[in-house]
Amino acid sequence: MSKLVQDIILKPIITEDSMERLPDGKYTFEVAPDANKIEIKKAIEQLFDVKVAKVNTISVKGKQKRMGRYVGYRPDRKKAIVTLEGDKTIEFFDGMY
């Protein structure tokens, strides 16, 4: 069963570090933990109508958080740094850097 694009690409990550990568054509997204690089590439190309050159993925463990004497963890997540081919950009990020 194929996944929907919205199930693979969860949200963009907008941090100082990710904004510094925009001029190089690198965009950062939070993706589904079970998504692979091929699925991420197809989803980005379909969603934003761009050509993807490379996809790097990072699995991020959840941080430990305390609430008084109780200890818990934030959820684990997966990030993808997508490099685009050519001069095309993703319009959502235009004007942010």
N, C-alpha and C. Protein backbone atom coordinates (compact mmCIF):
# COMPACT_ATOMS: atom_id res chain seq x y z
N MET A 1 0.85 -1.18 0.00
CA MET A 1 0.00 0.00 0.00
C MET A 1 0.89 1.24 0.00
N SER A 2 0.68 2.14 -0.94
CA SER A 2 1.52 3.33 -1.01
C SER A 2 1.04 4.39 -0.02
N LYS A 3 1.99 5.17 0.44
CA LYS A 3 1.69 6.22 1.41
C LYS A 3 1.35 7.51 0.67
N LEU A 4 0.57 8.34 1.31
CA LEU A 4 0.28 9.66 0.78
C LEU A 4 1.45 10.59 1.05
N VAL A 5 1.58 11.63 0.23
CA VAL A 5 2.66 12.60 0.41
C VAL A 5 2.57 13.25 1.78
N GLN A 6 1.35 13.53 2.24
CA GLN A 6 1.16 14.17 3.54
C GLN A 6 1.55 13.26 4.69
N ASP A 7 1.57 11.95 4.47
CA ASP A 7 1.98 11.01 5.52
C ASP A 7 3.50 10.91 5.61
N ILE A 8 4.21 11.28 4.54
CA ILE A 8 5.67 11.20 4.53
C ILE A 8 6.29 12.50 5.01
N ILE A 9 5.90 13.63 4.43
CA ILE A 9 6.43 14.94 4.80
C ILE A 9 5.49 15.52 5.86
N LEU A 10 5.96 15.61 7.10
CA LEU A 10 5.10 16.06 8.19
C LEU A 10 5.07 17.58 8.32
N LYS A 11 6.26 18.23 8.35
CA LYS A 11 6.31 19.69 8.46
C LYS A 11 7.70 20.19 8.15
N PRO A 12 7.82 21.46 7.73
CA PRO A 12 9.15 22.03 7.53
C PRO A 12 9.77 22.37 8.88
N ILE A 13 11.09 22.34 8.94
CA ILE A 13 11.81 22.72 10.15
C ILE A 13 12.43 24.07 9.90
N ILE A 14 12.02 25.06 10.69
CA ILE A 14 12.50 26.43 10.50
C ILE A 14 13.29 26.81 11.74
N THR A 15 14.61 26.66 11.63
CA THR A 15 15.52 27.03 12.70
C THR A 15 16.62 27.90 12.10
N GLU A 16 17.44 28.46 12.96
CA GLU A 16 18.55 29.29 12.48
C GLU A 16 19.48 28.47 11.58
N ASP A 17 19.77 27.26 11.98
CA ASP A 17 20.66 26.40 11.21
C ASP A 17 20.07 26.05 9.84
N SER A 18 18.78 25.73 9.80
CA SER A 18 18.16 25.37 8.51
C SER A 18 18.04 26.58 7.60
N MET A 19 17.87 27.78 8.16
CA MET A 19 17.78 28.99 7.34
C MET A 19 19.13 29.34 6.70
N GLU A 20 20.23 29.00 7.37
CA GLU A 20 21.56 29.25 6.81
C GLU A 20 21.84 28.35 5.60
N ARG A 21 21.16 27.23 5.49
CA ARG A 21 21.35 26.29 4.37
C ARG A 21 20.52 26.63 3.14
N LEU A 22 19.55 27.53 3.25
CA LEU A 22 18.67 27.85 2.13
C LEU A 22 19.40 28.37 0.90
N PRO A 23 20.38 29.28 1.03
CA PRO A 23 21.07 29.75 -0.19
C PRO A 23 21.79 28.64 -0.95
N ASP A 24 22.12 27.54 -0.29
CA ASP A 24 22.78 26.41 -0.94
C ASP A 24 21.78 25.46 -1.58
N GLY A 25 20.49 25.75 -1.47
CA GLY A 25 19.45 24.89 -2.04
C GLY A 25 19.13 23.70 -1.17
N LYS A 26 19.38 23.80 0.15
CA LYS A 26 19.10 22.71 1.08
C LYS A 26 17.93 23.09 1.98
N TYR A 27 16.93 22.21 2.01
CA TYR A 27 15.71 22.44 2.78
C TYR A 27 15.53 21.32 3.79
N THR A 28 15.07 21.66 5.00
CA THR A 28 14.95 20.70 6.08
C THR A 28 13.48 20.44 6.40
N PHE A 29 13.12 19.16 6.51
CA PHE A 29 11.75 18.76 6.82
C PHE A 29 11.74 17.70 7.89
N GLU A 30 10.68 17.67 8.68
CA GLU A 30 10.44 16.53 9.57
C GLU A 30 9.63 15.52 8.76
N VAL A 31 10.07 14.27 8.78
CA VAL A 31 9.44 13.23 7.96
C VAL A 31 8.99 12.08 8.85
N ALA A 32 8.20 11.19 8.28
CA ALA A 32 7.72 10.02 9.01
C ALA A 32 8.92 9.13 9.39
N PRO A 33 8.92 8.57 10.60
CA PRO A 33 10.07 7.77 11.04
C PRO A 33 10.34 6.54 10.18
N ASP A 34 9.34 6.03 9.49
CA ASP A 34 9.54 4.83 8.68
C ASP A 34 9.75 5.15 7.19
N ALA A 35 9.85 6.45 6.84
CA ALA A 35 10.05 6.84 5.44
C ALA A 35 11.51 6.65 5.04
N ASN A 36 11.74 6.17 3.81
CA ASN A 36 13.11 6.04 3.34
C ASN A 36 13.43 7.19 2.37
N LYS A 37 14.69 7.25 1.92
CA LYS A 37 15.15 8.36 1.09
C LYS A 37 14.42 8.44 -0.25
N ILE A 38 14.11 7.30 -0.83
CA ILE A 38 13.42 7.28 -2.12
C ILE A 38 12.01 7.83 -1.98
N GLU A 39 11.30 7.42 -0.93
CA GLU A 39 9.95 7.94 -0.70
C GLU A 39 9.98 9.44 -0.43
N ILE A 40 10.97 9.91 0.34
CA ILE A 40 11.07 11.33 0.65
C ILE A 40 11.33 12.12 -0.63
N LYS A 41 12.22 11.64 -1.48
CA LYS A 41 12.53 12.32 -2.74
C LYS A 41 11.29 12.44 -3.62
N LYS A 42 10.56 11.35 -3.79
CA LYS A 42 9.34 11.37 -4.61
C LYS A 42 8.29 12.31 -4.04
N ALA A 43 8.15 12.32 -2.71
CA ALA A 43 7.14 13.16 -2.06
C ALA A 43 7.47 14.64 -2.24
N ILE A 44 8.74 15.02 -2.08
CA ILE A 44 9.13 16.43 -2.25
C ILE A 44 8.94 16.86 -3.69
N GLU A 45 9.32 16.01 -4.65
CA GLU A 45 9.17 16.35 -6.07
C GLU A 45 7.70 16.50 -6.44
N GLN A 46 6.85 15.66 -5.89
CA GLN A 46 5.42 15.72 -6.19
C GLN A 46 4.77 16.93 -5.51
N LEU A 47 5.14 17.19 -4.26
CA LEU A 47 4.50 18.23 -3.47
C LEU A 47 4.88 19.64 -3.94
N PHE A 48 6.16 19.86 -4.25
CA PHE A 48 6.65 21.20 -4.57
C PHE A 48 7.04 21.39 -6.03
N ASP A 49 6.93 20.38 -6.87
CA ASP A 49 7.24 20.45 -8.30
C ASP A 49 8.67 20.94 -8.54
N VAL A 50 9.64 20.26 -7.91
CA VAL A 50 11.06 20.55 -8.05
C VAL A 50 11.80 19.24 -8.31
N LYS A 51 13.07 19.33 -8.72
CA LYS A 51 13.91 18.15 -8.90
C LYS A 51 14.86 18.05 -7.71
N VAL A 52 14.90 16.88 -7.07
CA VAL A 52 15.74 16.66 -5.90
C VAL A 52 17.03 15.97 -6.34
N ALA A 53 18.16 16.53 -5.90
CA ALA A 53 19.46 15.95 -6.22
C ALA A 53 19.88 14.93 -5.17
N LYS A 54 19.63 15.24 -3.88
CA LYS A 54 20.13 14.39 -2.81
C LYS A 54 19.24 14.52 -1.58
N VAL A 55 19.14 13.44 -0.80
CA VAL A 55 18.39 13.44 0.45
C VAL A 55 19.28 12.85 1.54
N ASN A 56 19.46 13.61 2.62
CA ASN A 56 20.16 13.11 3.80
C ASN A 56 19.15 13.00 4.94
N THR A 57 19.19 11.90 5.69
CA THR A 57 18.25 11.71 6.78
C THR A 57 18.99 11.60 8.11
N ILE A 58 18.34 12.07 9.18
CA ILE A 58 18.89 12.04 10.53
C ILE A 58 17.79 11.58 11.48
N SER A 59 18.09 10.55 12.27
CA SER A 59 17.16 10.12 13.32
C SER A 59 17.55 10.82 14.61
N VAL A 60 16.60 11.55 15.20
CA VAL A 60 16.86 12.35 16.39
C VAL A 60 16.16 11.70 17.58
N LYS A 61 16.94 11.36 18.60
CA LYS A 61 16.36 10.78 19.81
C LYS A 61 15.70 11.89 20.63
N GLY A 62 14.62 11.55 21.32
CA GLY A 62 13.92 12.53 22.14
C GLY A 62 14.71 12.89 23.39
N LYS A 63 14.66 14.17 23.75
CA LYS A 63 15.37 14.64 24.93
C LYS A 63 14.63 14.23 26.20
N GLN A 64 15.40 14.09 27.27
CA GLN A 64 14.80 13.81 28.57
C GLN A 64 14.26 15.11 29.14
N LYS A 65 13.05 15.10 29.64
CA LYS A 65 12.43 16.27 30.24
C LYS A 65 11.88 15.90 31.61
N ARG A 66 11.95 16.85 32.54
CA ARG A 66 11.45 16.64 33.89
C ARG A 66 10.30 17.58 34.18
N MET A 67 9.37 17.09 34.96
CA MET A 67 8.27 17.91 35.45
C MET A 67 8.22 17.64 36.94
N GLY A 68 8.95 18.46 37.71
CA GLY A 68 9.08 18.19 39.13
C GLY A 68 9.93 16.95 39.35
N ARG A 69 9.39 15.98 40.03
CA ARG A 69 10.17 14.76 40.26
C ARG A 69 9.92 13.69 39.21
N TYR A 70 9.03 13.95 38.27
CA TYR A 70 8.71 12.97 37.23
C TYR A 70 9.57 13.21 36.00
N VAL A 71 10.01 12.13 35.40
CA VAL A 71 10.90 12.21 34.24
C VAL A 71 10.21 11.56 33.05
N GLY A 72 10.30 12.23 31.90
CA GLY A 72 9.76 11.67 30.68
C GLY A 72 10.66 12.04 29.52
N TYR A 73 10.26 11.64 28.32
CA TYR A 73 11.04 11.91 27.13
C TYR A 73 10.17 12.54 26.06
N ARG A 74 10.76 13.44 25.28
CA ARG A 74 10.09 13.93 24.09
C ARG A 74 10.09 12.81 23.06
N PRO A 75 9.20 12.85 22.09
CA PRO A 75 9.17 11.76 21.11
C PRO A 75 10.39 11.79 20.18
N ASP A 76 10.81 10.60 19.72
CA ASP A 76 11.86 10.50 18.70
C ASP A 76 11.28 11.02 17.39
N ARG A 77 12.17 11.54 16.53
CA ARG A 77 11.70 12.04 15.24
C ARG A 77 12.78 11.83 14.20
N LYS A 78 12.42 12.07 12.94
CA LYS A 78 13.35 11.90 11.84
C LYS A 78 13.33 13.15 10.98
N LYS A 79 14.51 13.65 10.64
CA LYS A 79 14.63 14.85 9.81
C LYS A 79 15.23 14.45 8.47
N ALA A 80 14.89 15.22 7.44
CA ALA A 80 15.48 15.02 6.11
C ALA A 80 15.97 16.37 5.60
N ILE A 81 17.23 16.39 5.15
CA ILE A 81 17.78 17.58 4.51
C ILE A 81 17.81 17.29 3.01
N VAL A 82 17.03 18.04 2.26
CA VAL A 82 16.83 17.80 0.83
C VAL A 82 17.60 18.85 0.04
N THR A 83 18.46 18.40 -0.88
CA THR A 83 19.21 19.29 -1.77
C THR A 83 18.54 19.27 -3.14
N LEU A 84 18.25 20.47 -3.67
CA LEU A 84 17.57 20.58 -4.96
C LEU A 84 18.58 20.74 -6.10
N GLU A 85 18.16 20.30 -7.29
CA GLU A 85 18.96 20.48 -8.50
C GLU A 85 18.66 21.85 -9.10
N GLY A 86 19.67 22.47 -9.69
CA GLY A 86 19.46 23.72 -10.42
C GLY A 86 19.14 24.89 -9.52
N ASP A 87 18.49 25.90 -10.11
CA ASP A 87 18.21 27.15 -9.40
C ASP A 87 16.79 27.23 -8.85
N LYS A 88 16.00 26.18 -9.03
CA LYS A 88 14.62 26.22 -8.55
C LYS A 88 14.59 26.25 -7.02
N THR A 89 13.59 26.93 -6.46
CA THR A 89 13.43 27.01 -5.01
C THR A 89 12.03 26.56 -4.62
N ILE A 90 11.85 26.32 -3.35
CA ILE A 90 10.53 26.00 -2.82
C ILE A 90 9.91 27.32 -2.34
N GLU A 91 8.77 27.68 -2.91
CA GLU A 91 8.16 28.98 -2.67
C GLU A 91 7.85 29.24 -1.20
N PHE A 92 7.53 28.18 -0.46
CA PHE A 92 7.19 28.33 0.96
C PHE A 92 8.32 29.02 1.72
N PHE A 93 9.57 28.73 1.35
CA PHE A 93 10.72 29.25 2.07
C PHE A 93 11.22 30.59 1.53
N ASP A 94 10.71 31.04 0.39
CA ASP A 94 11.18 32.31 -0.21
C ASP A 94 10.92 33.48 0.73
N GLY A 95 11.90 34.33 0.87
CA GLY A 95 11.76 35.52 1.72
C GLY A 95 12.04 35.27 3.18
N MET A 96 12.43 34.06 3.56
CA MET A 96 12.68 33.77 4.96
C MET A 96 14.13 34.04 5.36
N TYR A 97 15.04 34.01 4.40
CA TYR A 97 16.44 34.22 4.78
C TYR A 97 16.95 35.57 4.38
